[in-house]
Amino acid sequence: MTLTGPVRDGAGRTGTELVFRGAVATDHLVVDPRTGVLLETRSVTTKGSERGKVRRTTYLSSGPADRIG
């Protein structure tokens, strides 16, 4: 794991990025350093036929659900 410092997520919010380099992908997590809330995840495939493919999820809000479905 590498702490890469301040970055902006897909919504333009500033956060701290953590990078995990795995066997087939590099995963990036962006967290709000004041609250610890996860702002974004991004995974970049580093091996195989999908090399370079990026999957990103930006969390605009999170919290308990009133109901499921």
N, C-alpha and C. Protein backbone atom coordinates (compact mmCIF):
# COMPACT_ATOMS: atom_id res chain seq x y z
N MET A 1 0.84 -1.16 0.00
CA MET A 1 0.00 0.00 0.00
C MET A 1 0.90 1.24 0.00
N THR A 2 0.46 2.22 -0.78
CA THR A 2 1.18 3.49 -0.87
C THR A 2 0.19 4.62 -0.60
N LEU A 3 0.58 5.55 0.21
CA LEU A 3 -0.20 6.76 0.45
C LEU A 3 0.33 7.81 -0.51
N THR A 4 -0.51 8.21 -1.49
CA THR A 4 -0.01 9.11 -2.52
C THR A 4 -0.37 10.56 -2.28
N GLY A 5 -1.18 10.82 -1.27
CA GLY A 5 -1.45 12.21 -0.92
C GLY A 5 -2.72 12.76 -1.51
N PRO A 6 -2.82 14.10 -1.55
CA PRO A 6 -4.06 14.73 -1.97
C PRO A 6 -4.34 14.53 -3.46
N VAL A 7 -5.60 14.19 -3.77
CA VAL A 7 -6.10 14.03 -5.14
C VAL A 7 -7.53 14.54 -5.17
N ARG A 8 -8.10 14.63 -6.35
CA ARG A 8 -9.51 14.97 -6.51
C ARG A 8 -10.23 13.75 -7.07
N ASP A 9 -11.43 13.50 -6.56
CA ASP A 9 -12.23 12.39 -7.08
C ASP A 9 -13.01 12.86 -8.31
N GLY A 10 -13.83 11.98 -8.87
CA GLY A 10 -14.60 12.29 -10.06
C GLY A 10 -15.59 13.42 -9.88
N ALA A 11 -15.95 13.72 -8.63
CA ALA A 11 -16.88 14.81 -8.34
C ALA A 11 -16.15 16.10 -7.99
N GLY A 12 -14.81 16.06 -8.02
CA GLY A 12 -14.02 17.26 -7.74
C GLY A 12 -13.68 17.47 -6.28
N ARG A 13 -14.03 16.52 -5.41
CA ARG A 13 -13.73 16.67 -3.99
C ARG A 13 -12.28 16.26 -3.71
N THR A 14 -11.66 16.93 -2.77
CA THR A 14 -10.29 16.61 -2.39
C THR A 14 -10.28 15.50 -1.36
N GLY A 15 -9.39 14.54 -1.56
CA GLY A 15 -9.24 13.44 -0.62
C GLY A 15 -7.82 12.93 -0.63
N THR A 16 -7.55 11.95 0.21
CA THR A 16 -6.25 11.30 0.27
C THR A 16 -6.35 9.98 -0.46
N GLU A 17 -5.37 9.70 -1.33
CA GLU A 17 -5.41 8.47 -2.13
C GLU A 17 -4.50 7.41 -1.54
N LEU A 18 -5.03 6.19 -1.47
CA LEU A 18 -4.27 5.01 -1.08
C LEU A 18 -4.22 4.09 -2.29
N VAL A 19 -3.06 3.55 -2.61
CA VAL A 19 -2.89 2.71 -3.79
C VAL A 19 -2.41 1.33 -3.36
N PHE A 20 -3.12 0.31 -3.85
CA PHE A 20 -2.76 -1.09 -3.59
C PHE A 20 -2.38 -1.73 -4.92
N ARG A 21 -1.16 -2.22 -5.04
CA ARG A 21 -0.73 -2.86 -6.27
C ARG A 21 -0.84 -4.37 -6.11
N GLY A 22 -1.78 -4.97 -6.87
CA GLY A 22 -2.01 -6.40 -6.81
C GLY A 22 -1.41 -7.12 -8.01
N ALA A 23 -1.69 -8.41 -8.11
CA ALA A 23 -1.14 -9.24 -9.18
C ALA A 23 -1.74 -8.90 -10.54
N VAL A 24 -3.01 -8.54 -10.60
CA VAL A 24 -3.67 -8.27 -11.89
C VAL A 24 -4.28 -6.89 -11.99
N ALA A 25 -4.24 -6.11 -10.92
CA ALA A 25 -4.83 -4.77 -10.95
C ALA A 25 -4.18 -3.88 -9.90
N THR A 26 -4.29 -2.59 -10.14
CA THR A 26 -3.89 -1.59 -9.15
C THR A 26 -5.16 -0.90 -8.69
N ASP A 27 -5.41 -0.92 -7.39
CA ASP A 27 -6.62 -0.33 -6.84
C ASP A 27 -6.29 0.97 -6.12
N HIS A 28 -7.14 1.97 -6.37
CA HIS A 28 -6.99 3.29 -5.79
C HIS A 28 -8.22 3.59 -4.93
N LEU A 29 -8.01 4.01 -3.71
CA LEU A 29 -9.10 4.44 -2.83
C LEU A 29 -8.88 5.90 -2.50
N VAL A 30 -9.93 6.69 -2.60
CA VAL A 30 -9.87 8.10 -2.21
C VAL A 30 -10.77 8.27 -0.99
N VAL A 31 -10.17 8.73 0.10
CA VAL A 31 -10.93 8.92 1.34
C VAL A 31 -10.82 10.37 1.80
N ASP A 32 -11.86 10.82 2.47
CA ASP A 32 -11.85 12.15 3.07
C ASP A 32 -10.98 12.05 4.32
N PRO A 33 -9.87 12.78 4.41
CA PRO A 33 -8.96 12.63 5.55
C PRO A 33 -9.55 13.11 6.87
N ARG A 34 -10.55 13.97 6.83
CA ARG A 34 -11.15 14.47 8.08
C ARG A 34 -12.15 13.50 8.65
N THR A 35 -12.93 12.81 7.78
CA THR A 35 -14.01 11.95 8.25
C THR A 35 -13.75 10.46 8.06
N GLY A 36 -12.81 10.11 7.18
CA GLY A 36 -12.55 8.71 6.87
C GLY A 36 -13.56 8.12 5.90
N VAL A 37 -14.45 8.95 5.36
CA VAL A 37 -15.48 8.47 4.43
C VAL A 37 -14.84 8.14 3.09
N LEU A 38 -15.22 6.99 2.53
CA LEU A 38 -14.75 6.58 1.21
C LEU A 38 -15.44 7.42 0.15
N LEU A 39 -14.66 8.13 -0.68
CA LEU A 39 -15.21 8.98 -1.71
C LEU A 39 -15.25 8.29 -3.08
N GLU A 40 -14.22 7.47 -3.36
CA GLU A 40 -14.14 6.87 -4.69
C GLU A 40 -13.23 5.64 -4.66
N THR A 41 -13.54 4.68 -5.52
CA THR A 41 -12.65 3.55 -5.78
C THR A 41 -12.38 3.51 -7.28
N ARG A 42 -11.16 3.13 -7.61
CA ARG A 42 -10.79 2.98 -9.02
C ARG A 42 -9.86 1.79 -9.12
N SER A 43 -10.11 0.93 -10.10
CA SER A 43 -9.29 -0.24 -10.31
C SER A 43 -8.80 -0.24 -11.75
N VAL A 44 -7.49 -0.36 -11.93
CA VAL A 44 -6.89 -0.38 -13.26
C VAL A 44 -6.29 -1.76 -13.48
N THR A 45 -6.79 -2.47 -14.50
CA THR A 45 -6.27 -3.80 -14.81
C THR A 45 -4.87 -3.68 -15.39
N THR A 46 -3.94 -4.50 -14.88
CA THR A 46 -2.54 -4.40 -15.30
C THR A 46 -2.06 -5.61 -16.09
N LYS A 47 -2.88 -6.65 -16.21
CA LYS A 47 -2.47 -7.87 -16.92
C LYS A 47 -3.58 -8.35 -17.84
N GLY A 48 -3.20 -9.17 -18.79
CA GLY A 48 -4.18 -9.85 -19.63
C GLY A 48 -4.80 -8.98 -20.71
N SER A 49 -5.85 -9.52 -21.32
CA SER A 49 -6.50 -8.85 -22.46
C SER A 49 -7.22 -7.56 -22.07
N GLU A 50 -7.52 -7.39 -20.79
CA GLU A 50 -8.20 -6.17 -20.34
C GLU A 50 -7.23 -5.16 -19.74
N ARG A 51 -5.94 -5.34 -20.03
CA ARG A 51 -4.91 -4.43 -19.50
C ARG A 51 -5.27 -2.98 -19.84
N GLY A 52 -5.21 -2.11 -18.84
CA GLY A 52 -5.53 -0.70 -19.02
C GLY A 52 -6.99 -0.36 -18.77
N LYS A 53 -7.85 -1.37 -18.61
CA LYS A 53 -9.27 -1.10 -18.35
C LYS A 53 -9.42 -0.49 -16.96
N VAL A 54 -10.24 0.56 -16.88
CA VAL A 54 -10.45 1.27 -15.62
C VAL A 54 -11.90 1.11 -15.19
N ARG A 55 -12.08 0.75 -13.94
CA ARG A 55 -13.42 0.68 -13.33
C ARG A 55 -13.43 1.67 -12.17
N ARG A 56 -14.36 2.63 -12.21
CA ARG A 56 -14.39 3.65 -11.17
C ARG A 56 -15.79 3.77 -10.60
N THR A 57 -15.85 3.92 -9.27
CA THR A 57 -17.11 4.18 -8.57
C THR A 57 -16.89 5.39 -7.68
N THR A 58 -17.72 6.43 -7.88
CA THR A 58 -17.66 7.63 -7.05
C THR A 58 -18.89 7.64 -6.16
N TYR A 59 -18.67 7.73 -4.86
CA TYR A 59 -19.77 7.71 -3.88
C TYR A 59 -20.15 9.15 -3.54
N LEU A 60 -21.34 9.56 -3.97
CA LEU A 60 -21.80 10.93 -3.71
C LEU A 60 -22.45 11.06 -2.34
N SER A 61 -23.02 9.96 -1.85
CA SER A 61 -23.58 9.95 -0.50
C SER A 61 -23.62 8.50 -0.02
N SER A 62 -23.65 8.35 1.28
CA SER A 62 -23.76 7.02 1.87
C SER A 62 -24.44 7.15 3.22
N GLY A 63 -25.08 6.09 3.62
CA GLY A 63 -25.75 6.11 4.91
C GLY A 63 -26.74 4.96 4.99
N PRO A 64 -27.45 4.85 6.09
CA PRO A 64 -28.39 3.76 6.25
C PRO A 64 -29.58 3.91 5.27
N ALA A 65 -30.10 2.79 4.86
CA ALA A 65 -31.26 2.78 3.95
C ALA A 65 -32.54 2.71 4.75
N ASP A 66 -33.59 3.37 4.26
CA ASP A 66 -34.91 3.29 4.87
C ASP A 66 -35.53 1.94 4.59
N ARG A 67 -35.23 1.40 3.39
CA ARG A 67 -35.75 0.08 3.00
C ARG A 67 -34.91 -0.45 1.85
N ILE A 68 -35.03 -1.72 1.60
CA ILE A 68 -34.33 -2.36 0.49
C ILE A 68 -35.34 -2.60 -0.63
N GLY A 69 -34.96 -2.21 -1.84
CA GLY A 69 -35.84 -2.45 -2.99
C GLY A 69 -36.67 -1.33 -3.27
